[in-house]
Structure formats: structure tokens, C-alpha cells
Amino acid sequence: MPLLPILLVVHICLAIALFLPSLLLPFGLRTGVPTDGQPGRVVAGLLRLQGSGTLAIGAGLAITGIMLVAVLGSRLLEQPWLLIALTIYALDLVLAYAIQRPNLRRLLRPGSSANDLTWQLRARRQRYVSYAMAFLVATIGWLMSTKPVLW
């Protein structure tokens, strides 16, 4: 069995898993933090993935990326659409870790209440950041599938 399809699927899954919690958590918090302080199963799973799985997923992503370049050849890195997609992905990761993640922690603090107007405004802002991140992901998908000639 050829290595390329398996490697590509694993790489794409890891790339999505790396920032998926930052994309989805603001929507999971739409109803607020439960009064008992325990998030639901989906939110708890996303928090666990974001908190402890990030390093392993990032390492796996780097390894599969290097393996893809080794299999496909280094000329792949000369493609403008790929360089732009990688830049957008890096921007998406910066958004996830520098903006989204710290602000999600503030929303999940004990004593946070969905009835609090400040909490609701912060949660709405987080959803807007998630919309921007989703747009960036869609742009990456478009670049990867169409491989446009940019220059």
C-alpha cells in the first residue's frame, strides 16, 4: 500500500485536531458555564484535547509534514499556493494560542455566569474570532484543493 495517502490523511487530521478546540469551544459555551462548574462532555473533551493533547498533536503534525516533503520532494515547498496556505495556517495557530485560548480560560473561570453581561460580550467576541479562524481554514482548504497559479 502506498505511503502517501495514509500520510496525507494523518497529516490533515492532525492539522485539524490542533486548532479544532479553539474553533469549537466558543460555540460550546454558547449556553454558558453550568452552575455546578462542570462542563458538558463535548466541552470537557475539547478542553482536555486543548490542554494536554496539543504538544503531541503538534509534534505529530511536524513529523508528518517533514515526511510528506520527503515523499513528495522539496520542490513542493516552491509552490506559492502552499507557502500562502502555510502562512495562513501559522496565522490561525497564532490566533488560537495567543488570543482564543487565554480568553477561553477567562470564560471558564469558576464564578463565571452566563447571566453576566460581561461574560456574554466576551463569549460573543470569542465566537467572532472563531468565525475568522473558520474562514482562514476554508481559505486553506480552497488553496489546497485548487492549487491556483498565483505568480
N, C-alpha and C. Protein backbone atom coordinates (compact mmCIF):
# COMPACT_ATOMS: atom_id res chain seq x y z
N MET A 1 0.84 -1.18 0.00
CA MET A 1 0.00 0.00 0.00
C MET A 1 0.89 1.25 0.00
N PRO A 2 0.57 2.23 -0.86
CA PRO A 2 1.39 3.44 -0.92
C PRO A 2 1.31 4.25 0.39
N LEU A 3 2.41 4.86 0.72
CA LEU A 3 2.52 5.62 1.97
C LEU A 3 1.85 6.99 1.87
N LEU A 4 1.86 7.60 0.70
CA LEU A 4 1.37 8.97 0.54
C LEU A 4 -0.07 9.18 1.01
N PRO A 5 -1.05 8.37 0.59
CA PRO A 5 -2.42 8.64 1.04
C PRO A 5 -2.59 8.55 2.55
N ILE A 6 -1.96 7.56 3.16
CA ILE A 6 -2.05 7.40 4.61
C ILE A 6 -1.41 8.59 5.31
N LEU A 7 -0.25 8.96 4.86
CA LEU A 7 0.48 10.09 5.43
C LEU A 7 -0.32 11.38 5.30
N LEU A 8 -0.92 11.58 4.16
CA LEU A 8 -1.70 12.78 3.91
C LEU A 8 -2.93 12.85 4.82
N VAL A 9 -3.64 11.74 4.96
CA VAL A 9 -4.83 11.71 5.83
C VAL A 9 -4.44 11.97 7.29
N VAL A 10 -3.37 11.33 7.74
CA VAL A 10 -2.91 11.54 9.12
C VAL A 10 -2.51 13.00 9.33
N HIS A 11 -1.80 13.58 8.38
CA HIS A 11 -1.35 14.96 8.48
C HIS A 11 -2.54 15.92 8.54
N ILE A 12 -3.52 15.71 7.68
CA ILE A 12 -4.70 16.59 7.66
C ILE A 12 -5.49 16.46 8.97
N CYS A 13 -5.66 15.24 9.44
CA CYS A 13 -6.38 15.03 10.71
C CYS A 13 -5.67 15.70 11.88
N LEU A 14 -4.35 15.59 11.92
CA LEU A 14 -3.60 16.25 13.00
C LEU A 14 -3.68 17.77 12.88
N ALA A 15 -3.61 18.29 11.65
CA ALA A 15 -3.70 19.74 11.46
C ALA A 15 -5.04 20.28 11.94
N ILE A 16 -6.10 19.55 11.65
CA ILE A 16 -7.43 19.99 12.09
C ILE A 16 -7.56 19.84 13.60
N ALA A 17 -7.06 18.73 14.14
CA ALA A 17 -7.17 18.49 15.58
C ALA A 17 -6.39 19.52 16.40
N LEU A 18 -5.37 20.11 15.83
CA LEU A 18 -4.55 21.05 16.58
C LEU A 18 -5.31 22.31 16.96
N PHE A 19 -6.15 22.80 16.05
CA PHE A 19 -6.87 24.02 16.41
C PHE A 19 -8.38 23.86 16.48
N LEU A 20 -8.88 22.65 16.32
CA LEU A 20 -10.31 22.40 16.42
C LEU A 20 -10.91 22.83 17.75
N PRO A 21 -10.27 22.55 18.89
CA PRO A 21 -10.85 23.02 20.16
C PRO A 21 -11.02 24.54 20.21
N SER A 22 -10.06 25.28 19.70
CA SER A 22 -10.17 26.73 19.71
C SER A 22 -11.30 27.22 18.81
N LEU A 23 -11.58 26.45 17.76
CA LEU A 23 -12.67 26.81 16.87
C LEU A 23 -14.03 26.51 17.50
N LEU A 24 -14.16 25.37 18.16
CA LEU A 24 -15.46 24.90 18.61
C LEU A 24 -15.85 25.30 20.03
N LEU A 25 -14.87 25.51 20.91
CA LEU A 25 -15.20 25.81 22.30
C LEU A 25 -16.08 27.05 22.49
N PRO A 26 -15.85 28.14 21.77
CA PRO A 26 -16.75 29.29 21.98
C PRO A 26 -18.21 28.96 21.67
N PHE A 27 -18.45 28.06 20.74
CA PHE A 27 -19.82 27.68 20.42
C PHE A 27 -20.38 26.72 21.46
N GLY A 28 -19.51 25.91 22.05
CA GLY A 28 -19.93 25.02 23.12
C GLY A 28 -20.30 25.77 24.38
N LEU A 29 -19.75 26.97 24.52
CA LEU A 29 -20.04 27.79 25.70
C LEU A 29 -21.21 28.74 25.46
N ARG A 30 -21.87 28.59 24.34
CA ARG A 30 -22.96 29.50 23.98
C ARG A 30 -24.05 29.55 25.06
N THR A 31 -24.28 28.43 25.72
CA THR A 31 -25.32 28.38 26.75
C THR A 31 -24.78 28.79 28.11
N GLY A 32 -23.49 29.02 28.20
CA GLY A 32 -22.91 29.45 29.47
C GLY A 32 -22.23 28.32 30.19
N VAL A 33 -21.62 28.64 31.31
CA VAL A 33 -20.96 27.66 32.16
C VAL A 33 -22.02 27.10 33.10
N PRO A 34 -22.14 25.77 33.21
CA PRO A 34 -23.14 25.20 34.11
C PRO A 34 -22.94 25.68 35.55
N THR A 35 -24.03 25.74 36.29
CA THR A 35 -23.95 26.25 37.66
C THR A 35 -23.11 25.35 38.57
N ASP A 36 -23.03 24.05 38.25
CA ASP A 36 -22.21 23.16 39.09
C ASP A 36 -20.73 23.27 38.75
N GLY A 37 -20.38 24.07 37.74
CA GLY A 37 -18.98 24.28 37.38
C GLY A 37 -18.39 23.21 36.49
N GLN A 38 -19.15 22.15 36.20
CA GLN A 38 -18.67 21.05 35.37
C GLN A 38 -19.20 21.22 33.94
N PRO A 39 -18.31 21.37 32.97
CA PRO A 39 -18.79 21.50 31.59
C PRO A 39 -19.35 20.17 31.09
N GLY A 40 -20.12 20.24 30.00
CA GLY A 40 -20.67 19.03 29.39
C GLY A 40 -19.57 18.15 28.82
N ARG A 41 -19.95 16.96 28.34
CA ARG A 41 -18.95 16.00 27.85
C ARG A 41 -18.18 16.52 26.64
N VAL A 42 -18.90 17.14 25.70
CA VAL A 42 -18.22 17.63 24.50
C VAL A 42 -17.24 18.74 24.86
N VAL A 43 -17.69 19.70 25.66
CA VAL A 43 -16.81 20.80 26.06
C VAL A 43 -15.64 20.28 26.88
N ALA A 44 -15.90 19.33 27.77
CA ALA A 44 -14.82 18.74 28.57
C ALA A 44 -13.79 18.04 27.69
N GLY A 45 -14.27 17.32 26.67
CA GLY A 45 -13.36 16.65 25.75
C GLY A 45 -12.52 17.63 24.96
N LEU A 46 -13.14 18.70 24.50
CA LEU A 46 -12.39 19.73 23.76
C LEU A 46 -11.37 20.41 24.66
N LEU A 47 -11.75 20.66 25.92
CA LEU A 47 -10.81 21.27 26.87
C LEU A 47 -9.63 20.34 27.15
N ARG A 48 -9.92 19.05 27.28
CA ARG A 48 -8.85 18.07 27.51
C ARG A 48 -7.90 18.00 26.31
N LEU A 49 -8.49 17.99 25.11
CA LEU A 49 -7.68 17.95 23.89
C LEU A 49 -6.81 19.20 23.79
N GLN A 50 -7.39 20.35 24.11
CA GLN A 50 -6.64 21.59 24.02
C GLN A 50 -5.56 21.67 25.10
N GLY A 51 -5.88 21.19 26.28
CA GLY A 51 -4.94 21.31 27.39
C GLY A 51 -3.78 20.35 27.36
N SER A 52 -4.05 19.08 27.05
CA SER A 52 -2.97 18.10 27.17
C SER A 52 -2.56 17.46 25.85
N GLY A 53 -3.36 17.59 24.82
CA GLY A 53 -3.02 16.94 23.57
C GLY A 53 -2.26 17.78 22.58
N THR A 54 -2.12 19.06 22.88
CA THR A 54 -1.55 19.99 21.93
C THR A 54 -0.10 19.66 21.56
N LEU A 55 0.71 19.34 22.54
CA LEU A 55 2.13 19.08 22.27
C LEU A 55 2.30 17.81 21.41
N ALA A 56 1.58 16.76 21.75
CA ALA A 56 1.69 15.51 20.99
C ALA A 56 1.16 15.70 19.56
N ILE A 57 0.05 16.41 19.43
CA ILE A 57 -0.52 16.64 18.10
C ILE A 57 0.42 17.51 17.27
N GLY A 58 0.97 18.54 17.87
CA GLY A 58 1.91 19.42 17.16
C GLY A 58 3.16 18.67 16.71
N ALA A 59 3.68 17.80 17.57
CA ALA A 59 4.85 17.01 17.20
C ALA A 59 4.51 16.04 16.06
N GLY A 60 3.36 15.41 16.15
CA GLY A 60 2.93 14.51 15.07
C GLY A 60 2.73 15.26 13.77
N LEU A 61 2.20 16.46 13.85
CA LEU A 61 2.00 17.28 12.65
C LEU A 61 3.34 17.65 12.01
N ALA A 62 4.30 18.03 12.82
CA ALA A 62 5.63 18.37 12.29
C ALA A 62 6.29 17.15 11.64
N ILE A 63 6.19 16.01 12.29
CA ILE A 63 6.80 14.79 11.75
C ILE A 63 6.15 14.39 10.43
N THR A 64 4.81 14.40 10.38
CA THR A 64 4.14 14.01 9.13
C THR A 64 4.39 15.05 8.04
N GLY A 65 4.53 16.31 8.40
CA GLY A 65 4.85 17.35 7.41
C GLY A 65 6.22 17.12 6.79
N ILE A 66 7.19 16.80 7.62
CA ILE A 66 8.54 16.52 7.12
C ILE A 66 8.53 15.26 6.25
N MET A 67 7.75 14.26 6.67
CA MET A 67 7.66 13.04 5.88
C MET A 67 6.98 13.30 4.53
N LEU A 68 5.98 14.16 4.51
CA LEU A 68 5.32 14.50 3.24
C LEU A 68 6.29 15.18 2.28
N VAL A 69 7.08 16.10 2.81
CA VAL A 69 8.08 16.77 1.96
C VAL A 69 9.10 15.75 1.46
N ALA A 70 9.49 14.81 2.31
CA ALA A 70 10.44 13.78 1.89
C ALA A 70 9.86 12.89 0.79
N VAL A 71 8.58 12.55 0.91
CA VAL A 71 7.94 11.68 -0.09
C VAL A 71 7.68 12.43 -1.39
N LEU A 72 7.20 13.67 -1.28
CA LEU A 72 6.82 14.43 -2.48
C LEU A 72 7.98 15.21 -3.10
N GLY A 73 9.01 15.44 -2.34
CA GLY A 73 10.16 16.19 -2.85
C GLY A 73 10.14 17.63 -2.37
N SER A 74 11.32 18.19 -2.24
CA SER A 74 11.44 19.55 -1.70
C SER A 74 10.96 20.62 -2.68
N ARG A 75 10.75 20.27 -3.93
CA ARG A 75 10.23 21.25 -4.90
C ARG A 75 8.81 21.68 -4.54
N LEU A 76 8.15 20.85 -3.76
CA LEU A 76 6.81 21.19 -3.31
C LEU A 76 6.80 22.51 -2.53
N LEU A 77 7.88 22.75 -1.80
CA LEU A 77 7.97 23.97 -0.99
C LEU A 77 8.14 25.23 -1.84
N GLU A 78 8.32 25.07 -3.13
CA GLU A 78 8.45 26.22 -4.03
C GLU A 78 7.10 26.67 -4.58
N GLN A 79 6.04 25.94 -4.27
CA GLN A 79 4.71 26.28 -4.77
C GLN A 79 4.14 27.47 -4.00
N PRO A 80 3.76 28.55 -4.69
CA PRO A 80 3.25 29.73 -3.98
C PRO A 80 1.97 29.45 -3.19
N TRP A 81 1.07 28.64 -3.72
CA TRP A 81 -0.18 28.37 -3.01
C TRP A 81 0.09 27.65 -1.69
N LEU A 82 1.11 26.79 -1.66
CA LEU A 82 1.44 26.08 -0.43
C LEU A 82 2.07 27.04 0.59
N LEU A 83 2.93 27.91 0.12
CA LEU A 83 3.55 28.88 1.04
C LEU A 83 2.50 29.80 1.65
N ILE A 84 1.53 30.22 0.85
CA ILE A 84 0.46 31.07 1.37
C ILE A 84 -0.41 30.28 2.35
N ALA A 85 -0.73 29.03 2.01
CA ALA A 85 -1.53 28.19 2.90
C ALA A 85 -0.81 27.96 4.23
N LEU A 86 0.49 27.72 4.19
CA LEU A 86 1.25 27.53 5.43
C LEU A 86 1.30 28.80 6.26
N THR A 87 1.40 29.94 5.59
CA THR A 87 1.38 31.22 6.30
C THR A 87 0.03 31.45 6.97
N ILE A 88 -1.04 31.15 6.25
CA ILE A 88 -2.38 31.29 6.83
C ILE A 88 -2.55 30.33 8.00
N TYR A 89 -2.04 29.11 7.87
CA TYR A 89 -2.13 28.14 8.96
C TYR A 89 -1.37 28.65 10.19
N ALA A 90 -0.20 29.22 9.96
CA ALA A 90 0.57 29.77 11.09
C ALA A 90 -0.21 30.92 11.75
N LEU A 91 -0.84 31.77 10.94
CA LEU A 91 -1.66 32.85 11.49
C LEU A 91 -2.82 32.29 12.30
N ASP A 92 -3.43 31.22 11.80
CA ASP A 92 -4.53 30.58 12.51
C ASP A 92 -4.07 30.03 13.86
N LEU A 93 -2.88 29.43 13.88
CA LEU A 93 -2.34 28.91 15.14
C LEU A 93 -2.03 30.03 16.12
N VAL A 94 -1.51 31.15 15.62
CA VAL A 94 -1.25 32.30 16.49
C VAL A 94 -2.56 32.81 17.09
N LEU A 95 -3.59 32.91 16.25
CA LEU A 95 -4.91 33.32 16.76
C LEU A 95 -5.39 32.36 17.83
N ALA A 96 -5.23 31.07 17.58
CA ALA A 96 -5.72 30.06 18.52
C ALA A 96 -5.00 30.14 19.87
N TYR A 97 -3.69 30.30 19.85
CA TYR A 97 -2.93 30.24 21.09
C TYR A 97 -2.70 31.58 21.77
N ALA A 98 -2.65 32.65 21.01
CA ALA A 98 -2.39 33.95 21.62
C ALA A 98 -3.67 34.69 22.01
N ILE A 99 -4.75 34.43 21.30
CA ILE A 99 -5.99 35.16 21.56
C ILE A 99 -7.08 34.24 22.10
N GLN A 100 -7.38 33.19 21.35
CA GLN A 100 -8.53 32.35 21.67
C GLN A 100 -8.35 31.58 22.98
N ARG A 101 -7.22 30.93 23.14
CA ARG A 101 -7.02 30.07 24.30
C ARG A 101 -7.04 30.83 25.63
N PRO A 102 -6.29 31.93 25.77
CA PRO A 102 -6.34 32.66 27.05
C PRO A 102 -7.73 33.22 27.36
N ASN A 103 -8.43 33.69 26.34
CA ASN A 103 -9.75 34.25 26.57
C ASN A 103 -10.76 33.17 26.93
N LEU A 104 -10.60 31.97 26.40
CA LEU A 104 -11.48 30.87 26.78
C LEU A 104 -11.28 30.51 28.25
N ARG A 105 -10.05 30.58 28.71
CA ARG A 105 -9.78 30.29 30.12
C ARG A 105 -10.52 31.29 31.02
N ARG A 106 -10.55 32.56 30.61
CA ARG A 106 -11.28 33.57 31.39
C ARG A 106 -12.77 33.25 31.43
N LEU A 107 -13.30 32.76 30.32
CA LEU A 107 -14.72 32.43 30.28
C LEU A 107 -15.06 31.21 31.15
N LEU A 108 -14.10 30.33 31.32
CA LEU A 108 -14.35 29.10 32.08
C LEU A 108 -13.99 29.21 33.55
N ARG A 109 -13.54 30.38 33.97
CA ARG A 109 -13.18 30.57 35.37
C ARG A 109 -14.36 30.26 36.29
N PRO A 110 -14.08 29.65 37.43
CA PRO A 110 -15.18 29.44 38.39
C PRO A 110 -15.79 30.78 38.78
N GLY A 111 -17.09 30.78 38.88
CA GLY A 111 -17.79 32.01 39.22
C GLY A 111 -18.27 32.76 37.99
N SER A 112 -17.85 32.31 36.79
CA SER A 112 -18.35 32.93 35.57
C SER A 112 -19.80 32.55 35.41
N SER A 113 -20.59 33.51 34.98
CA SER A 113 -22.01 33.25 34.83
C SER A 113 -22.49 33.71 33.47
N ALA A 114 -23.30 32.89 32.83
CA ALA A 114 -23.85 33.24 31.52
C ALA A 114 -24.83 34.40 31.63
N ASN A 115 -25.29 34.69 32.84
CA ASN A 115 -26.21 35.82 33.02
C ASN A 115 -25.48 37.14 33.10
N ASP A 116 -24.20 37.10 33.31
CA ASP A 116 -23.38 38.29 33.42
C ASP A 116 -23.19 38.90 32.03
N LEU A 117 -23.47 40.18 31.89
CA LEU A 117 -23.36 40.85 30.59
C LEU A 117 -21.93 40.84 30.07
N THR A 118 -20.95 41.03 30.95
CA THR A 118 -19.55 41.00 30.53
C THR A 118 -19.19 39.63 29.98
N TRP A 119 -19.65 38.58 30.64
CA TRP A 119 -19.39 37.21 30.17
C TRP A 119 -19.98 37.01 28.78
N GLN A 120 -21.21 37.46 28.58
CA GLN A 120 -21.87 37.31 27.29
C GLN A 120 -21.14 38.06 26.18
N LEU A 121 -20.65 39.25 26.47
CA LEU A 121 -19.90 40.02 25.48
C LEU A 121 -18.59 39.33 25.13
N ARG A 122 -17.90 38.82 26.14
CA ARG A 122 -16.65 38.09 25.88
C ARG A 122 -16.91 36.83 25.06
N ALA A 123 -17.97 36.11 25.39
CA ALA A 123 -18.30 34.89 24.65
C ALA A 123 -18.63 35.22 23.20
N ARG A 124 -19.34 36.30 22.98
CA ARG A 124 -19.67 36.71 21.60
C ARG A 124 -18.40 37.06 20.84
N ARG A 125 -17.47 37.78 21.49
CA ARG A 125 -16.20 38.11 20.86
C ARG A 125 -15.42 36.86 20.48
N GLN A 126 -15.45 35.87 21.37
CA GLN A 126 -14.76 34.61 21.08
C GLN A 126 -15.37 33.90 19.87
N ARG A 127 -16.68 33.98 19.74
CA ARG A 127 -17.32 33.37 18.57
C ARG A 127 -16.90 34.09 17.30
N TYR A 128 -16.75 35.41 17.35
CA TYR A 128 -16.30 36.15 16.17
C TYR A 128 -14.88 35.74 15.77
N VAL A 129 -14.03 35.54 16.76
CA VAL A 129 -12.67 35.06 16.47
C VAL A 129 -12.75 33.67 15.83
N SER A 130 -13.66 32.84 16.31
CA SER A 130 -13.83 31.50 15.73
C SER A 130 -14.32 31.59 14.29
N TYR A 131 -15.19 32.54 13.99
CA TYR A 131 -15.64 32.73 12.60
C TYR A 131 -14.45 33.09 11.72
N ALA A 132 -13.59 33.98 12.21
CA ALA A 132 -12.40 34.37 11.44
C ALA A 132 -11.48 33.16 11.22
N MET A 133 -11.30 32.36 12.27
CA MET A 133 -10.46 31.18 12.15
C MET A 133 -11.05 30.18 11.16
N ALA A 134 -12.38 30.02 11.19
CA ALA A 134 -13.03 29.11 10.24
C ALA A 134 -12.86 29.60 8.81
N PHE A 135 -12.92 30.91 8.61
CA PHE A 135 -12.70 31.47 7.28
C PHE A 135 -11.28 31.18 6.80
N LEU A 136 -10.31 31.32 7.70
CA LEU A 136 -8.92 31.01 7.34
C LEU A 136 -8.76 29.54 6.99
N VAL A 137 -9.42 28.66 7.73
CA VAL A 137 -9.35 27.23 7.43
C VAL A 137 -9.97 26.95 6.06
N ALA A 138 -11.09 27.59 5.78
CA ALA A 138 -11.72 27.41 4.46
C ALA A 138 -10.81 27.91 3.34
N THR A 139 -10.11 29.00 3.58
CA THR A 139 -9.18 29.52 2.59
C THR A 139 -8.04 28.53 2.34
N ILE A 140 -7.54 27.92 3.41
CA ILE A 140 -6.50 26.90 3.26
C ILE A 140 -7.04 25.73 2.44
N GLY A 141 -8.25 25.29 2.75
CA GLY A 141 -8.86 24.19 2.00
C GLY A 141 -9.00 24.52 0.53
N TRP A 142 -9.41 25.76 0.25
CA TRP A 142 -9.55 26.19 -1.14
C TRP A 142 -8.18 26.18 -1.84
N LEU A 143 -7.16 26.72 -1.19
CA LEU A 143 -5.82 26.74 -1.77
C LEU A 143 -5.30 25.33 -2.03
N MET A 144 -5.53 24.43 -1.07
CA MET A 144 -5.03 23.06 -1.21
C MET A 144 -5.77 22.30 -2.30
N SER A 145 -7.05 22.58 -2.48
CA SER A 145 -7.81 21.81 -3.47
C SER A 145 -7.69 22.37 -4.89
N THR A 146 -7.56 23.69 -5.01
CA THR A 146 -7.49 24.28 -6.36
C THR A 146 -6.06 24.49 -6.86
N LYS A 147 -5.12 24.65 -5.92
CA LYS A 147 -3.71 24.89 -6.27
C LYS A 147 -3.59 25.97 -7.35
N PRO A 148 -4.09 27.17 -7.06
CA PRO A 148 -4.09 28.21 -8.08
C PRO A 148 -2.68 28.68 -8.44
N VAL A 149 -2.52 29.14 -9.67
CA VAL A 149 -1.26 29.74 -10.10
C VAL A 149 -1.31 31.20 -9.65
N LEU A 150 -0.50 31.54 -8.68
CA LEU A 150 -0.57 32.87 -8.10
C LEU A 150 0.46 33.84 -8.67
N TRP A 151 1.62 33.35 -9.02
CA TRP A 151 2.65 34.17 -9.66
C TRP A 151 3.62 33.31 -10.40
